[in-house]
Amino acid sequence: MKKLIAFISFALALALLASCASSGSFFQVRDPRSLRKRVFDYVLENEALLIECIRENTLSRLENSGIIEDIYEHETCIEFSCGASGFGSNTSYWGFYYALSENAETAVRAFFDYAELTESGSGLEMREEVGDNYFYTENITGRFYYYFKRY
């Protein structure tokens, strides 16, 4: 009888874990294409507001946008973090950034720590030869760029 109760408890725990894993965003595998579309749509629909907030230094107005989770001001750009998923070395991050310089390539290279970026589709990417780090960036409009990183 104790073995049966232990087996049923174990089975219920597994079922609960499977249920949480399939419904919780932490465990979901994210499709970079759908993330890209969501970020592109947001920037294109809100470009005027974004530029206004950048110029007037009122970035806090963007905090409850429903997509922007954090805003980081860097030397060459302003980063708008839109999410992360995964665990440990298999964590992905995505969002967009605004190049502060007319020379956007400088901001792009600096944003990715001057990694060796190569052309890929409509953007630039970096894949580690040894390891699983991956960076991708693509111009959305003007000085706005989408990014996806996996460390």
N, C-alpha and C. Protein backbone atom coordinates (compact mmCIF):
# COMPACT_ATOMS: atom_id res chain seq x y z
N MET A 1 0.81 -1.19 0.00
CA MET A 1 0.00 0.00 0.00
C MET A 1 0.87 1.27 0.00
N LYS A 2 1.98 1.27 0.80
CA LYS A 2 2.86 2.44 0.85
C LYS A 2 3.48 2.71 -0.52
N LYS A 3 3.82 1.62 -1.24
CA LYS A 3 4.40 1.78 -2.57
C LYS A 3 3.39 2.39 -3.54
N LEU A 4 2.13 2.00 -3.42
CA LEU A 4 1.08 2.53 -4.28
C LEU A 4 0.87 4.02 -4.01
N ILE A 5 0.83 4.39 -2.75
CA ILE A 5 0.67 5.81 -2.38
C ILE A 5 1.87 6.62 -2.87
N ALA A 6 3.08 6.08 -2.71
CA ALA A 6 4.28 6.76 -3.18
C ALA A 6 4.25 6.92 -4.70
N PHE A 7 3.82 5.88 -5.41
CA PHE A 7 3.74 5.94 -6.87
C PHE A 7 2.71 6.98 -7.32
N ILE A 8 1.53 6.99 -6.68
CA ILE A 8 0.49 7.95 -7.03
C ILE A 8 0.95 9.37 -6.73
N SER A 9 1.62 9.58 -5.61
CA SER A 9 2.16 10.91 -5.26
C SER A 9 3.17 11.35 -6.30
N PHE A 10 4.05 10.45 -6.70
CA PHE A 10 5.06 10.76 -7.71
C PHE A 10 4.39 11.12 -9.04
N ALA A 11 3.38 10.33 -9.43
CA ALA A 11 2.67 10.58 -10.70
C ALA A 11 1.96 11.93 -10.66
N LEU A 12 1.34 12.26 -9.55
CA LEU A 12 0.67 13.55 -9.42
C LEU A 12 1.66 14.70 -9.47
N ALA A 13 2.81 14.54 -8.83
CA ALA A 13 3.84 15.57 -8.86
C ALA A 13 4.34 15.79 -10.29
N LEU A 14 4.54 14.69 -11.02
CA LEU A 14 4.97 14.81 -12.42
C LEU A 14 3.91 15.51 -13.26
N ALA A 15 2.66 15.15 -13.05
CA ALA A 15 1.57 15.79 -13.80
C ALA A 15 1.50 17.28 -13.50
N LEU A 16 1.67 17.65 -12.23
CA LEU A 16 1.66 19.05 -11.84
C LEU A 16 2.82 19.80 -12.48
N LEU A 17 3.99 19.20 -12.44
CA LEU A 17 5.17 19.83 -13.06
C LEU A 17 4.97 20.01 -14.56
N ALA A 18 4.44 19.00 -15.22
CA ALA A 18 4.18 19.10 -16.67
C ALA A 18 3.18 20.19 -16.97
N SER A 19 2.15 20.30 -16.13
CA SER A 19 1.13 21.34 -16.31
C SER A 19 1.75 22.72 -16.16
N CYS A 20 2.58 22.91 -15.13
CA CYS A 20 3.24 24.20 -14.92
C CYS A 20 4.19 24.53 -16.06
N ALA A 21 4.92 23.52 -16.51
CA ALA A 21 5.90 23.74 -17.58
C ALA A 21 5.22 24.15 -18.86
N SER A 22 4.04 23.62 -19.14
CA SER A 22 3.39 23.96 -20.40
C SER A 22 2.65 25.29 -20.33
N SER A 23 2.35 25.76 -19.12
CA SER A 23 1.59 27.01 -19.03
C SER A 23 2.44 28.19 -18.58
N GLY A 24 3.54 27.96 -17.92
CA GLY A 24 4.37 29.05 -17.40
C GLY A 24 5.29 29.60 -18.46
N SER A 25 5.37 30.93 -18.57
CA SER A 25 6.21 31.54 -19.60
C SER A 25 7.68 31.28 -19.36
N PHE A 26 8.08 30.99 -18.11
CA PHE A 26 9.49 30.73 -17.82
C PHE A 26 9.98 29.49 -18.56
N PHE A 27 9.11 28.50 -18.71
CA PHE A 27 9.51 27.24 -19.31
C PHE A 27 9.25 27.19 -20.81
N GLN A 28 8.52 28.14 -21.35
CA GLN A 28 8.16 28.09 -22.76
C GLN A 28 9.36 28.42 -23.63
N VAL A 29 9.47 27.69 -24.72
CA VAL A 29 10.50 27.99 -25.70
C VAL A 29 9.95 29.11 -26.58
N ARG A 30 10.71 30.16 -26.70
CA ARG A 30 10.24 31.33 -27.46
C ARG A 30 10.71 31.24 -28.91
N ASP A 31 9.84 31.59 -29.81
CA ASP A 31 10.18 31.63 -31.23
C ASP A 31 10.70 33.03 -31.54
N PRO A 32 12.00 33.15 -31.89
CA PRO A 32 12.56 34.48 -32.16
C PRO A 32 11.80 35.25 -33.24
N ARG A 33 11.17 34.56 -34.18
CA ARG A 33 10.43 35.27 -35.24
C ARG A 33 9.21 35.99 -34.67
N SER A 34 8.49 35.36 -33.73
CA SER A 34 7.32 36.02 -33.16
C SER A 34 7.74 37.15 -32.23
N LEU A 35 8.86 36.99 -31.54
CA LEU A 35 9.39 38.08 -30.70
C LEU A 35 9.76 39.26 -31.59
N ARG A 36 10.43 38.97 -32.68
CA ARG A 36 10.84 40.01 -33.63
C ARG A 36 9.62 40.78 -34.12
N LYS A 37 8.57 40.07 -34.51
CA LYS A 37 7.36 40.73 -35.02
C LYS A 37 6.75 41.63 -33.95
N ARG A 38 6.68 41.14 -32.73
CA ARG A 38 6.08 41.92 -31.64
C ARG A 38 6.88 43.21 -31.40
N VAL A 39 8.20 43.10 -31.39
CA VAL A 39 9.05 44.28 -31.17
C VAL A 39 8.93 45.24 -32.35
N PHE A 40 9.03 44.72 -33.58
CA PHE A 40 8.90 45.56 -34.77
C PHE A 40 7.56 46.31 -34.75
N ASP A 41 6.48 45.59 -34.49
CA ASP A 41 5.16 46.23 -34.47
C ASP A 41 5.10 47.35 -33.44
N TYR A 42 5.63 47.10 -32.25
CA TYR A 42 5.59 48.11 -31.20
C TYR A 42 6.37 49.36 -31.62
N VAL A 43 7.59 49.17 -32.12
CA VAL A 43 8.42 50.33 -32.50
C VAL A 43 7.77 51.10 -33.64
N LEU A 44 7.31 50.40 -34.66
CA LEU A 44 6.71 51.08 -35.80
C LEU A 44 5.43 51.83 -35.43
N GLU A 45 4.65 51.27 -34.51
CA GLU A 45 3.41 51.94 -34.09
C GLU A 45 3.67 53.10 -33.12
N ASN A 46 4.80 53.08 -32.43
CA ASN A 46 5.08 54.07 -31.38
C ASN A 46 6.35 54.88 -31.62
N GLU A 47 6.80 54.92 -32.86
CA GLU A 47 8.06 55.60 -33.17
C GLU A 47 8.06 57.06 -32.70
N ALA A 48 7.01 57.80 -32.98
CA ALA A 48 6.96 59.22 -32.60
C ALA A 48 7.06 59.38 -31.09
N LEU A 49 6.34 58.58 -30.33
CA LEU A 49 6.39 58.64 -28.87
C LEU A 49 7.78 58.28 -28.36
N LEU A 50 8.37 57.23 -28.91
CA LEU A 50 9.71 56.82 -28.51
C LEU A 50 10.72 57.94 -28.72
N ILE A 51 10.71 58.54 -29.90
CA ILE A 51 11.64 59.64 -30.20
C ILE A 51 11.40 60.82 -29.28
N GLU A 52 10.14 61.14 -29.03
CA GLU A 52 9.81 62.25 -28.12
C GLU A 52 10.37 61.98 -26.72
N CYS A 53 10.18 60.78 -26.21
CA CYS A 53 10.68 60.44 -24.87
C CYS A 53 12.20 60.44 -24.81
N ILE A 54 12.84 60.02 -25.89
CA ILE A 54 14.31 60.04 -25.93
C ILE A 54 14.80 61.47 -25.94
N ARG A 55 14.24 62.31 -26.80
CA ARG A 55 14.68 63.72 -26.92
C ARG A 55 14.41 64.52 -25.66
N GLU A 56 13.28 64.26 -25.00
CA GLU A 56 12.90 65.01 -23.81
C GLU A 56 13.41 64.36 -22.52
N ASN A 57 14.13 63.25 -22.66
CA ASN A 57 14.66 62.49 -21.52
C ASN A 57 13.54 62.14 -20.53
N THR A 58 12.42 61.65 -21.08
CA THR A 58 11.28 61.22 -20.27
C THR A 58 11.00 59.73 -20.52
N LEU A 59 12.04 58.93 -20.45
CA LEU A 59 11.93 57.51 -20.75
C LEU A 59 10.99 56.78 -19.78
N SER A 60 10.81 57.31 -18.59
CA SER A 60 9.93 56.67 -17.61
C SER A 60 8.49 56.60 -18.11
N ARG A 61 8.12 57.44 -19.06
CA ARG A 61 6.78 57.40 -19.65
C ARG A 61 6.52 56.08 -20.38
N LEU A 62 7.60 55.38 -20.75
CA LEU A 62 7.47 54.15 -21.53
C LEU A 62 7.41 52.90 -20.67
N GLU A 63 7.56 53.06 -19.36
CA GLU A 63 7.69 51.90 -18.47
C GLU A 63 6.47 50.99 -18.44
N ASN A 64 5.29 51.48 -18.59
CA ASN A 64 4.08 50.66 -18.55
C ASN A 64 3.50 50.42 -19.94
N SER A 65 4.37 50.22 -20.90
CA SER A 65 3.95 50.08 -22.29
C SER A 65 3.38 48.70 -22.61
N GLY A 66 3.60 47.73 -21.73
CA GLY A 66 3.13 46.38 -22.00
C GLY A 66 4.14 45.53 -22.72
N ILE A 67 5.22 46.12 -23.21
CA ILE A 67 6.26 45.35 -23.89
C ILE A 67 7.64 45.65 -23.31
N ILE A 68 7.90 46.88 -22.93
CA ILE A 68 9.22 47.26 -22.41
C ILE A 68 9.30 46.89 -20.94
N GLU A 69 10.29 46.05 -20.60
CA GLU A 69 10.46 45.62 -19.21
C GLU A 69 11.49 46.47 -18.47
N ASP A 70 12.57 46.84 -19.16
CA ASP A 70 13.62 47.66 -18.56
C ASP A 70 14.21 48.57 -19.62
N ILE A 71 14.75 49.70 -19.17
CA ILE A 71 15.41 50.65 -20.07
C ILE A 71 16.80 50.91 -19.52
N TYR A 72 17.81 50.75 -20.38
CA TYR A 72 19.20 50.96 -19.98
C TYR A 72 19.82 52.00 -20.89
N GLU A 73 20.45 52.99 -20.30
CA GLU A 73 21.14 54.01 -21.09
C GLU A 73 22.62 53.63 -21.15
N HIS A 74 23.10 53.39 -22.37
CA HIS A 74 24.50 53.06 -22.63
C HIS A 74 25.17 54.27 -23.25
N GLU A 75 26.45 54.19 -23.41
CA GLU A 75 27.21 55.31 -23.99
C GLU A 75 26.82 55.59 -25.44
N THR A 76 26.52 54.53 -26.21
CA THR A 76 26.24 54.70 -27.63
C THR A 76 24.78 54.47 -28.01
N CYS A 77 23.98 53.99 -27.06
CA CYS A 77 22.58 53.68 -27.39
C CYS A 77 21.73 53.62 -26.13
N ILE A 78 20.43 53.57 -26.35
CA ILE A 78 19.47 53.33 -25.28
C ILE A 78 18.83 51.98 -25.58
N GLU A 79 18.92 51.08 -24.61
CA GLU A 79 18.39 49.73 -24.77
C GLU A 79 17.02 49.61 -24.11
N PHE A 80 16.09 49.02 -24.84
CA PHE A 80 14.75 48.76 -24.33
C PHE A 80 14.59 47.24 -24.27
N SER A 81 14.76 46.68 -23.09
CA SER A 81 14.67 45.24 -22.90
C SER A 81 13.21 44.83 -22.87
N CYS A 82 12.87 43.84 -23.70
CA CYS A 82 11.47 43.42 -23.80
C CYS A 82 11.22 42.02 -23.25
N GLY A 83 12.25 41.33 -22.79
CA GLY A 83 12.00 40.03 -22.19
C GLY A 83 13.20 39.12 -22.20
N ALA A 84 13.03 38.04 -21.48
CA ALA A 84 14.04 36.99 -21.39
C ALA A 84 13.34 35.69 -21.07
N SER A 85 13.93 34.60 -21.50
CA SER A 85 13.42 33.28 -21.14
C SER A 85 14.56 32.29 -21.15
N GLY A 86 14.37 31.21 -20.45
CA GLY A 86 15.39 30.19 -20.38
C GLY A 86 16.03 30.15 -19.03
N PHE A 87 17.11 29.38 -18.94
CA PHE A 87 17.80 29.18 -17.68
C PHE A 87 19.28 28.97 -17.94
N GLY A 88 20.10 29.58 -17.11
CA GLY A 88 21.55 29.38 -17.20
C GLY A 88 22.11 29.81 -18.54
N SER A 89 22.91 28.93 -19.13
CA SER A 89 23.58 29.28 -20.38
C SER A 89 22.66 29.20 -21.59
N ASN A 90 21.42 28.85 -21.38
CA ASN A 90 20.46 28.80 -22.48
C ASN A 90 19.39 29.87 -22.29
N THR A 91 19.81 31.05 -21.88
CA THR A 91 18.89 32.16 -21.67
C THR A 91 18.90 33.06 -22.89
N SER A 92 17.72 33.45 -23.34
CA SER A 92 17.58 34.36 -24.48
C SER A 92 17.03 35.69 -23.99
N TYR A 93 17.50 36.77 -24.62
CA TYR A 93 17.07 38.13 -24.31
C TYR A 93 16.68 38.80 -25.61
N TRP A 94 15.68 39.66 -25.59
CA TRP A 94 15.28 40.36 -26.80
C TRP A 94 14.75 41.74 -26.45
N GLY A 95 14.73 42.57 -27.47
CA GLY A 95 14.24 43.93 -27.31
C GLY A 95 14.67 44.78 -28.48
N PHE A 96 14.89 46.06 -28.21
CA PHE A 96 15.35 46.96 -29.26
C PHE A 96 16.22 48.02 -28.62
N TYR A 97 16.98 48.70 -29.45
CA TYR A 97 17.81 49.79 -28.97
C TYR A 97 17.79 50.93 -29.98
N TYR A 98 18.11 52.10 -29.48
CA TYR A 98 18.13 53.32 -30.28
C TYR A 98 19.57 53.82 -30.32
N ALA A 99 20.13 53.95 -31.52
CA ALA A 99 21.50 54.44 -31.69
C ALA A 99 21.53 55.94 -31.45
N LEU A 100 22.37 56.38 -30.52
CA LEU A 100 22.46 57.81 -30.20
C LEU A 100 23.27 58.59 -31.22
N SER A 101 24.08 57.89 -31.99
CA SER A 101 24.96 58.53 -32.96
C SER A 101 24.37 58.44 -34.37
N GLU A 102 24.74 59.42 -35.20
CA GLU A 102 24.37 59.35 -36.62
C GLU A 102 24.98 58.10 -37.25
N ASN A 103 26.16 57.71 -36.75
CA ASN A 103 26.84 56.52 -37.24
C ASN A 103 26.30 55.31 -36.48
N ALA A 104 25.21 54.77 -36.95
CA ALA A 104 24.53 53.68 -36.25
C ALA A 104 25.41 52.44 -36.14
N GLU A 105 26.31 52.23 -37.11
CA GLU A 105 27.16 51.04 -37.05
C GLU A 105 28.00 51.03 -35.78
N THR A 106 28.44 52.20 -35.33
CA THR A 106 29.21 52.29 -34.09
C THR A 106 28.37 51.78 -32.92
N ALA A 107 27.12 52.19 -32.86
CA ALA A 107 26.23 51.76 -31.77
C ALA A 107 25.95 50.26 -31.86
N VAL A 108 25.74 49.76 -33.07
CA VAL A 108 25.48 48.33 -33.26
C VAL A 108 26.68 47.52 -32.78
N ARG A 109 27.86 47.88 -33.22
CA ARG A 109 29.07 47.14 -32.83
C ARG A 109 29.30 47.24 -31.32
N ALA A 110 29.11 48.41 -30.75
CA ALA A 110 29.30 48.59 -29.30
C ALA A 110 28.27 47.79 -28.52
N PHE A 111 27.04 47.75 -28.99
CA PHE A 111 25.98 47.02 -28.29
C PHE A 111 26.33 45.55 -28.15
N PHE A 112 27.03 45.01 -29.12
CA PHE A 112 27.42 43.60 -29.10
C PHE A 112 28.90 43.44 -28.75
N ASP A 113 29.42 44.38 -27.97
CA ASP A 113 30.80 44.32 -27.48
C ASP A 113 31.81 44.08 -28.60
N TYR A 114 31.57 44.70 -29.74
CA TYR A 114 32.47 44.65 -30.89
C TYR A 114 32.72 43.22 -31.37
N ALA A 115 31.72 42.36 -31.21
CA ALA A 115 31.81 40.99 -31.71
C ALA A 115 31.88 41.01 -33.24
N GLU A 116 32.41 39.97 -33.81
CA GLU A 116 32.51 39.84 -35.26
C GLU A 116 31.13 39.52 -35.82
N LEU A 117 30.43 40.53 -36.34
CA LEU A 117 29.09 40.36 -36.88
C LEU A 117 29.15 40.14 -38.39
N THR A 118 28.33 39.22 -38.87
CA THR A 118 28.26 38.96 -40.30
C THR A 118 26.83 39.13 -40.78
N GLU A 119 26.66 39.38 -42.06
CA GLU A 119 25.32 39.56 -42.61
C GLU A 119 24.53 38.27 -42.51
N SER A 120 23.25 38.42 -42.18
CA SER A 120 22.35 37.27 -42.06
C SER A 120 20.94 37.76 -42.35
N GLY A 121 20.36 37.31 -43.44
CA GLY A 121 19.02 37.76 -43.80
C GLY A 121 18.99 39.27 -43.92
N SER A 122 18.13 39.92 -43.16
CA SER A 122 18.00 41.37 -43.18
C SER A 122 18.84 42.06 -42.11
N GLY A 123 19.64 41.30 -41.38
CA GLY A 123 20.39 41.90 -40.28
C GLY A 123 21.81 41.39 -40.19
N LEU A 124 22.34 41.45 -38.99
CA LEU A 124 23.70 41.00 -38.69
C LEU A 124 23.63 40.00 -37.55
N GLU A 125 24.51 39.00 -37.57
CA GLU A 125 24.54 38.01 -36.51
C GLU A 125 25.95 37.64 -36.13
N MET A 126 26.07 37.03 -34.95
CA MET A 126 27.33 36.46 -34.49
C MET A 126 26.99 35.13 -33.85
N ARG A 127 27.65 34.08 -34.30
CA ARG A 127 27.52 32.76 -33.70
C ARG A 127 28.90 32.32 -33.25
N GLU A 128 28.98 31.86 -32.02
CA GLU A 128 30.26 31.36 -31.54
C GLU A 128 30.60 30.04 -32.23
N GLU A 129 31.87 29.88 -32.60
CA GLU A 129 32.30 28.62 -33.19
C GLU A 129 32.31 27.53 -32.13
N VAL A 130 32.78 27.89 -30.94
CA VAL A 130 32.78 26.97 -29.81
C VAL A 130 31.89 27.60 -28.74
N GLY A 131 30.80 26.93 -28.42
CA GLY A 131 29.86 27.50 -27.47
C GLY A 131 28.54 27.76 -28.16
N ASP A 132 27.60 28.33 -27.41
CA ASP A 132 26.27 28.53 -27.97
C ASP A 132 25.80 29.98 -27.96
N ASN A 133 26.72 30.93 -27.71
CA ASN A 133 26.32 32.33 -27.73
C ASN A 133 25.93 32.74 -29.14
N TYR A 134 24.87 33.53 -29.21
CA TYR A 134 24.34 33.97 -30.50
C TYR A 134 23.78 35.37 -30.34
N PHE A 135 24.09 36.26 -31.27
CA PHE A 135 23.55 37.62 -31.28
C PHE A 135 22.97 37.89 -32.66
N TYR A 136 21.85 38.59 -32.68
CA TYR A 136 21.26 39.01 -33.95
C TYR A 136 20.71 40.41 -33.78
N THR A 137 20.90 41.25 -34.78
CA THR A 137 20.35 42.60 -34.77
C THR A 137 19.87 42.96 -36.17
N GLU A 138 18.84 43.79 -36.22
CA GLU A 138 18.27 44.20 -37.50
C GLU A 138 17.65 45.58 -37.35
N ASN A 139 17.86 46.41 -38.35
CA ASN A 139 17.27 47.75 -38.32
C ASN A 139 15.76 47.65 -38.43
N ILE A 140 15.06 48.38 -37.56
CA ILE A 140 13.60 48.43 -37.62
C ILE A 140 13.19 49.63 -38.45
N THR A 141 13.67 50.81 -38.03
CA THR A 141 13.41 52.05 -38.74
C THR A 141 14.34 53.11 -38.16
N GLY A 142 14.84 54.00 -39.01
CA GLY A 142 15.71 55.06 -38.52
C GLY A 142 16.85 54.51 -37.68
N ARG A 143 16.96 54.99 -36.43
CA ARG A 143 18.02 54.54 -35.52
C ARG A 143 17.57 53.44 -34.57
N PHE A 144 16.41 52.86 -34.81
CA PHE A 144 15.90 51.77 -33.96
C PHE A 144 16.31 50.42 -34.52
N TYR A 145 16.81 49.54 -33.64
CA TYR A 145 17.29 48.22 -34.02
C TYR A 145 16.71 47.16 -33.10
N TYR A 146 16.27 46.08 -33.67
CA TYR A 146 15.83 44.90 -32.92
C TYR A 146 17.07 44.11 -32.51
N TYR A 147 17.01 43.46 -31.35
CA TYR A 147 18.07 42.54 -30.99
C TYR A 147 17.52 41.27 -30.36
N PHE A 148 18.27 40.18 -30.54
CA PHE A 148 18.01 38.90 -29.91
C PHE A 148 19.37 38.36 -29.51
N LYS A 149 19.53 37.98 -28.24
CA LYS A 149 20.80 37.43 -27.74
C LYS A 149 20.52 36.12 -27.02
N ARG A 150 21.40 35.17 -27.20
CA ARG A 150 21.34 33.92 -26.43
C ARG A 150 22.73 33.69 -25.85
N TYR A 151 22.79 33.59 -24.56
CA TYR A 151 24.08 33.33 -23.87
C TYR A 151 24.04 31.96 -23.25
